[in-house]
PDB file of N, CA and C in Angstrom:
ATOM      1  N   UNK A   1      43.893  -6.918   7.347  1.00  0.00           N
ATOM      2  CA  UNK A   1      43.955  -6.673   8.775  1.00  0.00           C
ATOM      3  C   UNK A   1      44.991  -5.579   9.030  1.00  0.00           C
ATOM      4  N   UNK A   2      44.726  -4.711   9.983  1.00  0.00           N
ATOM      5  CA  UNK A   2      45.628  -3.611  10.276  1.00  0.00           C
ATOM      6  C   UNK A   2      46.780  -4.055  11.162  1.00  0.00           C
ATOM      7  N   UNK A   3      47.838  -3.295  11.130  1.00  0.00           N
ATOM      8  CA  UNK A   3      48.999  -3.564  11.968  1.00  0.00           C
ATOM      9  C   UNK A   3      48.675  -3.170  13.420  1.00  0.00           C
ATOM     10  N   UNK A   4      49.140  -3.974  14.395  1.00  0.00           N
ATOM     11  CA  UNK A   4      48.876  -3.634  15.792  1.00  0.00           C
ATOM     12  C   UNK A   4      49.660  -2.391  16.201  1.00  0.00           C
ATOM     13  N   UNK A   5      49.043  -1.581  17.052  1.00  0.00           N
ATOM     14  CA  UNK A   5      49.693  -0.381  17.550  1.00  0.00           C
ATOM     15  C   UNK A   5      50.705  -0.723  18.630  1.00  0.00           C
ATOM     16  N   UNK A   6      51.405   0.295  19.081  1.00  0.00           N
ATOM     17  CA  UNK A   6      52.436   0.086  20.104  1.00  0.00           C
ATOM     18  C   UNK A   6      51.828  -0.444  21.392  1.00  0.00           C
ATOM     19  N   UNK A   7      50.666   0.045  21.769  1.00  0.00           N
ATOM     20  CA  UNK A   7      50.023  -0.423  22.995  1.00  0.00           C
ATOM     21  C   UNK A   7      49.644  -1.888  22.932  1.00  0.00           C
ATOM     22  N   UNK A   8      49.175  -2.314  21.791  1.00  0.00           N
ATOM     23  CA  UNK A   8      48.798  -3.722  21.629  1.00  0.00           C
ATOM     24  C   UNK A   8      50.026  -4.626  21.635  1.00  0.00           C
ATOM     25  N   UNK A   9      51.117  -4.163  21.039  1.00  0.00           N
ATOM     26  CA  UNK A   9      52.359  -4.952  21.066  1.00  0.00           C
ATOM     27  C   UNK A   9      52.877  -5.096  22.491  1.00  0.00           C
ATOM     28  N   UNK A  10      52.806  -4.029  23.273  1.00  0.00           N
ATOM     29  CA  UNK A  10      53.244  -4.085  24.670  1.00  0.00           C
ATOM     30  C   UNK A  10      52.353  -5.052  25.445  1.00  0.00           C
ATOM     31  N   UNK A  11      51.056  -4.973  25.218  1.00  0.00           N
ATOM     32  CA  UNK A  11      50.124  -5.871  25.895  1.00  0.00           C
ATOM     33  C   UNK A  11      50.426  -7.333  25.579  1.00  0.00           C
ATOM     34  N   UNK A  12      50.600  -7.643  24.310  1.00  0.00           N
ATOM     35  CA  UNK A  12      50.876  -9.032  23.919  1.00  0.00           C
ATOM     36  C   UNK A  12      52.205  -9.512  24.483  1.00  0.00           C
ATOM     37  N   UNK A  13      53.189  -8.636  24.521  1.00  0.00           N
ATOM     38  CA  UNK A  13      54.475  -9.005  25.110  1.00  0.00           C
ATOM     39  C   UNK A  13      54.354  -9.268  26.601  1.00  0.00           C
ATOM     40  N   UNK A  14      53.563  -8.457  27.289  1.00  0.00           N
ATOM     41  CA  UNK A  14      53.356  -8.657  28.725  1.00  0.00           C
ATOM     42  C   UNK A  14      52.601  -9.953  28.983  1.00  0.00           C
ATOM     43  N   UNK A  15      51.621 -10.260  28.153  1.00  0.00           N
ATOM     44  CA  UNK A  15      50.874 -11.513  28.302  1.00  0.00           C
ATOM     45  C   UNK A  15      51.809 -12.699  28.112  1.00  0.00           C
ATOM     46  N   UNK A  16      52.673 -12.631  27.101  1.00  0.00           N
ATOM     47  CA  UNK A  16      53.633 -13.711  26.883  1.00  0.00           C
ATOM     48  C   UNK A  16      54.575 -13.866  28.067  1.00  0.00           C
ATOM     49  N   UNK A  17      55.053 -12.755  28.605  1.00  0.00           N
ATOM     50  CA  UNK A  17      55.994 -12.807  29.729  1.00  0.00           C
ATOM     51  C   UNK A  17      55.334 -13.409  30.967  1.00  0.00           C
ATOM     52  N   UNK A  18      54.132 -12.949  31.303  1.00  0.00           N
ATOM     53  CA  UNK A  18      53.456 -13.488  32.475  1.00  0.00           C
ATOM     54  C   UNK A  18      53.045 -14.946  32.275  1.00  0.00           C
ATOM     55  N   UNK A  19      52.679 -15.304  31.064  1.00  0.00           N
ATOM     56  CA  UNK A  19      52.334 -16.705  30.784  1.00  0.00           C
ATOM     57  C   UNK A  19      53.552 -17.599  30.947  1.00  0.00           C
ATOM     58  N   UNK A  20      54.690 -17.148  30.452  1.00  0.00           N
ATOM     59  CA  UNK A  20      55.926 -17.918  30.611  1.00  0.00           C
ATOM     60  C   UNK A  20      56.290 -18.025  32.089  1.00  0.00           C
ATOM     61  N   UNK A  21      56.045 -16.967  32.856  1.00  0.00           N
ATOM     62  CA  UNK A  21      56.301 -17.000  34.293  1.00  0.00           C
ATOM     63  C   UNK A  21      55.406 -18.033  34.978  1.00  0.00           C
ATOM     64  N   UNK A  22      54.149 -18.101  34.591  1.00  0.00           N
ATOM     65  CA  UNK A  22      53.240 -19.102  35.150  1.00  0.00           C
ATOM     66  C   UNK A  22      53.712 -20.511  34.829  1.00  0.00           C
ATOM     67  N   UNK A  23      54.179 -20.729  33.601  1.00  0.00           N
ATOM     68  CA  UNK A  23      54.692 -22.044  33.215  1.00  0.00           C
ATOM     69  C   UNK A  23      55.917 -22.396  34.066  1.00  0.00           C
ATOM     70  N   UNK A  24      56.810 -21.433  34.242  1.00  0.00           N
ATOM     71  CA  UNK A  24      58.020 -21.685  35.039  1.00  0.00           C
ATOM     72  C   UNK A  24      57.671 -21.986  36.490  1.00  0.00           C
ATOM     73  N   UNK A  25      56.742 -21.226  37.075  1.00  0.00           N
ATOM     74  CA  UNK A  25      56.334 -21.482  38.457  1.00  0.00           C
ATOM     75  C   UNK A  25      55.701 -22.861  38.567  1.00  0.00           C
ATOM     76  N   UNK A  26      54.873 -23.220  37.611  1.00  0.00           N
ATOM     77  CA  UNK A  26      54.254 -24.537  37.626  1.00  0.00           C
ATOM     78  C   UNK A  26      55.280 -25.655  37.581  1.00  0.00           C
ATOM     79  N   UNK A  27      56.285 -25.495  36.742  1.00  0.00           N
ATOM     80  CA  UNK A  27      57.340 -26.511  36.653  1.00  0.00           C
ATOM     81  C   UNK A  27      58.132 -26.609  37.955  1.00  0.00           C
ATOM     82  N   UNK A  28      58.445 -25.461  38.550  1.00  0.00           N
ATOM     83  CA  UNK A  28      59.181 -25.464  39.820  1.00  0.00           C
ATOM     84  C   UNK A  28      58.364 -26.138  40.910  1.00  0.00           C
ATOM     85  N   UNK A  29      57.084 -25.814  40.996  1.00  0.00           N
ATOM     86  CA  UNK A  29      56.228 -26.437  42.004  1.00  0.00           C
ATOM     87  C   UNK A  29      56.161 -27.947  41.809  1.00  0.00           C
ATOM     88  N   UNK A  30      56.031 -28.377  40.556  1.00  0.00           N
ATOM     89  CA  UNK A  30      56.000 -29.812  40.278  1.00  0.00           C
ATOM     90  C   UNK A  30      57.304 -30.495  40.678  1.00  0.00           C
ATOM     91  N   UNK A  31      58.430 -29.922  40.293  1.00  0.00           N
ATOM     92  CA  UNK A  31      59.727 -30.536  40.594  1.00  0.00           C
ATOM     93  C   UNK A  31      59.956 -30.610  42.106  1.00  0.00           C
ATOM     94  N   UNK A  32      59.670 -29.518  42.802  1.00  0.00           N
ATOM     95  CA  UNK A  32      59.874 -29.504  44.256  1.00  0.00           C
ATOM     96  C   UNK A  32      58.949 -30.514  44.931  1.00  0.00           C
ATOM     97  N   UNK A  33      57.709 -30.572  44.489  1.00  0.00           N
ATOM     98  CA  UNK A  33      56.759 -31.513  45.088  1.00  0.00           C
ATOM     99  C   UNK A  33      57.209 -32.965  44.871  1.00  0.00           C
ATOM    100  N   UNK A  34      57.586 -33.274  43.644  1.00  0.00           N
ATOM    101  CA  UNK A  34      58.016 -34.641  43.353  1.00  0.00           C
ATOM    102  C   UNK A  34      59.340 -34.982  44.044  1.00  0.00           C
ATOM    103  N   UNK A  35      60.242 -34.013  44.164  1.00  0.00           N
ATOM    104  CA  UNK A  35      61.524 -34.256  44.837  1.00  0.00           C
ATOM    105  C   UNK A  35      61.334 -34.518  46.322  1.00  0.00           C
ATOM    106  N   UNK A  36      60.275 -33.966  46.899  1.00  0.00           N
ATOM    107  CA  UNK A  36      60.002 -34.157  48.324  1.00  0.00           C
ATOM    108  C   UNK A  36      59.035 -35.302  48.587  1.00  0.00           C
ATOM    109  N   UNK A  37      58.784 -36.122  47.595  1.00  0.00           N
ATOM    110  CA  UNK A  37      57.983 -37.317  47.785  1.00  0.00           C
ATOM    111  C   UNK A  37      56.490 -37.141  47.590  1.00  0.00           C
ATOM    112  N   UNK A  38      56.069 -36.038  47.012  1.00  0.00           N
ATOM    113  CA  UNK A  38      54.639 -35.833  46.765  1.00  0.00           C
ATOM    114  C   UNK A  38      54.150 -36.708  45.632  1.00  0.00           C
ATOM    115  N   UNK A  39      52.940 -37.151  45.750  1.00  0.00           N
ATOM    116  CA  UNK A  39      52.342 -37.990  44.724  1.00  0.00           C
ATOM    117  C   UNK A  39      51.459 -37.199  43.787  1.00  0.00           C
ATOM    118  N   UNK A  40      50.819 -37.888  42.848  1.00  0.00           N
ATOM    119  CA  UNK A  40      49.999 -37.206  41.846  1.00  0.00           C
ATOM    120  C   UNK A  40      48.730 -36.561  42.397  1.00  0.00           C
ATOM    121  N   UNK A  41      48.337 -36.887  43.616  1.00  0.00           N
ATOM    122  CA  UNK A  41      47.154 -36.251  44.200  1.00  0.00           C
ATOM    123  C   UNK A  41      47.521 -35.262  45.303  1.00  0.00           C
ATOM    124  N   UNK A  42      48.806 -34.970  45.451  1.00  0.00           N
ATOM    125  CA  UNK A  42      49.206 -34.007  46.478  1.00  0.00           C
ATOM    126  C   UNK A  42      48.853 -32.590  46.019  1.00  0.00           C
ATOM    127  N   UNK A  43      48.736 -31.704  46.989  1.00  0.00           N
ATOM    128  CA  UNK A  43      48.358 -30.316  46.688  1.00  0.00           C
ATOM    129  C   UNK A  43      49.374 -29.648  45.772  1.00  0.00           C
ATOM    130  N   UNK A  44      50.660 -29.846  46.051  1.00  0.00           N
ATOM    131  CA  UNK A  44      51.690 -29.227  45.229  1.00  0.00           C
ATOM    132  C   UNK A  44      51.653 -29.702  43.788  1.00  0.00           C
ATOM    133  N   UNK A  45      51.425 -30.972  43.588  1.00  0.00           N
ATOM    134  CA  UNK A  45      51.344 -31.521  42.237  1.00  0.00           C
ATOM    135  C   UNK A  45      50.157 -30.908  41.492  1.00  0.00           C
ATOM    136  N   UNK A  46      49.013 -30.855  42.157  1.00  0.00           N
ATOM    137  CA  UNK A  46      47.819 -30.301  41.512  1.00  0.00           C
ATOM    138  C   UNK A  46      47.974 -28.810  41.226  1.00  0.00           C
ATOM    139  N   UNK A  47      48.604 -28.070  42.146  1.00  0.00           N
ATOM    140  CA  UNK A  47      48.853 -26.647  41.898  1.00  0.00           C
ATOM    141  C   UNK A  47      49.834 -26.451  40.742  1.00  0.00           C
ATOM    142  N   UNK A  48      50.861 -27.299  40.682  1.00  0.00           N
ATOM    143  CA  UNK A  48      51.809 -27.213  39.572  1.00  0.00           C
ATOM    144  C   UNK A  48      51.144 -27.446  38.238  1.00  0.00           C
ATOM    145  N   UNK A  49      50.282 -28.445  38.176  1.00  0.00           N
ATOM    146  CA  UNK A  49      49.543 -28.723  36.939  1.00  0.00           C
ATOM    147  C   UNK A  49      48.624 -27.541  36.606  1.00  0.00           C
ATOM    148  N   UNK A  50      47.995 -26.965  37.616  1.00  0.00           N
ATOM    149  CA  UNK A  50      47.108 -25.817  37.378  1.00  0.00           C
ATOM    150  C   UNK A  50      47.886 -24.629  36.818  1.00  0.00           C
ATOM    151  N   UNK A  51      49.043 -24.317  37.411  1.00  0.00           N
ATOM    152  CA  UNK A  51      49.854 -23.212  36.907  1.00  0.00           C
ATOM    153  C   UNK A  51      50.307 -23.482  35.472  1.00  0.00           C
ATOM    154  N   UNK A  52      50.731 -24.693  35.205  1.00  0.00           N
ATOM    155  CA  UNK A  52      51.124 -25.049  33.838  1.00  0.00           C
ATOM    156  C   UNK A  52      49.959 -24.860  32.872  1.00  0.00           C
ATOM    157  N   UNK A  53      48.792 -25.337  33.267  1.00  0.00           N
ATOM    158  CA  UNK A  53      47.617 -25.220  32.406  1.00  0.00           C
ATOM    159  C   UNK A  53      47.242 -23.783  32.114  1.00  0.00           C
ATOM    160  N   UNK A  54      47.291 -22.944  33.149  1.00  0.00           N
ATOM    161  CA  UNK A  54      46.950 -21.525  32.959  1.00  0.00           C
ATOM    162  C   UNK A  54      47.971 -20.857  32.036  1.00  0.00           C
ATOM    163  N   UNK A  55      49.255 -21.121  32.270  1.00  0.00           N
ATOM    164  CA  UNK A  55      50.285 -20.499  31.442  1.00  0.00           C
ATOM    165  C   UNK A  55      50.220 -20.933  29.993  1.00  0.00           C
ATOM    166  N   UNK A  56      50.141 -22.229  29.766  1.00  0.00           N
ATOM    167  CA  UNK A  56      50.079 -22.746  28.396  1.00  0.00           C
ATOM    168  C   UNK A  56      48.781 -22.320  27.725  1.00  0.00           C
ATOM    169  N   UNK A  57      47.694 -22.374  28.461  1.00  0.00           N
ATOM    170  CA  UNK A  57      46.406 -21.966  27.893  1.00  0.00           C
ATOM    171  C   UNK A  57      46.392 -20.508  27.475  1.00  0.00           C
ATOM    172  N   UNK A  58      46.979 -19.650  28.301  1.00  0.00           N
ATOM    173  CA  UNK A  58      47.001 -18.227  27.975  1.00  0.00           C
ATOM    174  C   UNK A  58      47.909 -17.952  26.783  1.00  0.00           C
ATOM    175  N   UNK A  59      49.027 -18.669  26.712  1.00  0.00           N
ATOM    176  CA  UNK A  59      49.894 -18.526  25.533  1.00  0.00           C
ATOM    177  C   UNK A  59      49.155 -18.947  24.272  1.00  0.00           C
ATOM    178  N   UNK A  60      48.412 -20.036  24.362  1.00  0.00           N
ATOM    179  CA  UNK A  60      47.664 -20.526  23.206  1.00  0.00           C
ATOM    180  C   UNK A  60      46.592 -19.508  22.773  1.00  0.00           C
ATOM    181  N   UNK A  61      45.847 -18.977  23.745  1.00  0.00           N
ATOM    182  CA  UNK A  61      44.797 -18.010  23.440  1.00  0.00           C
ATOM    183  C   UNK A  61      45.415 -16.739  22.840  1.00  0.00           C
ATOM    184  N   UNK A  62      46.520 -16.294  23.418  1.00  0.00           N
ATOM    185  CA  UNK A  62      47.181 -15.086  22.910  1.00  0.00           C
ATOM    186  C   UNK A  62      47.637 -15.295  21.461  1.00  0.00           C
ATOM    187  N   UNK A  63      48.141 -16.462  21.150  1.00  0.00           N
ATOM    188  CA  UNK A  63      48.581 -16.768  19.799  1.00  0.00           C
ATOM    189  C   UNK A  63      47.397 -16.782  18.824  1.00  0.00           C
ATOM    190  N   UNK A  64      46.302 -17.382  19.252  1.00  0.00           N
ATOM    191  CA  UNK A  64      45.120 -17.461  18.371  1.00  0.00           C
ATOM    192  C   UNK A  64      44.497 -16.101  18.144  1.00  0.00           C
ATOM    193  N   UNK A  65      44.530 -15.236  19.131  1.00  0.00           N
ATOM    194  CA  UNK A  65      43.924 -13.898  18.976  1.00  0.00           C
ATOM    195  C   UNK A  65      44.763 -13.003  18.069  1.00  0.00           C
ATOM    196  N   UNK A  66      46.043 -13.323  17.939  1.00  0.00           N
ATOM    197  CA  UNK A  66      46.919 -12.505  17.093  1.00  0.00           C
ATOM    198  C   UNK A  66      46.728 -12.733  15.608  1.00  0.00           C
ATOM    199  N   UNK A  67      45.990 -13.755  15.228  1.00  0.00           N
ATOM    200  CA  UNK A  67      45.803 -14.080  13.814  1.00  0.00           C
ATOM    201  C   UNK A  67      44.563 -13.458  13.248  1.00  0.00           C
TER     202      UNK A  67
END
């Protein structure tokens, strides 16, 4: 397999950064929702889980594509 070029390294780094940002936003939304008395079916809780899922999923896909 060939070595990735500079453009591909920048792309993968940007994907990792934005994925980590999505995970962080998801965690913040979850914490704020739960701190304000939201339950597991509240909109904030579901959005937090969605952000976490997107971030973790994208990190996983990015890792698998690098191999």
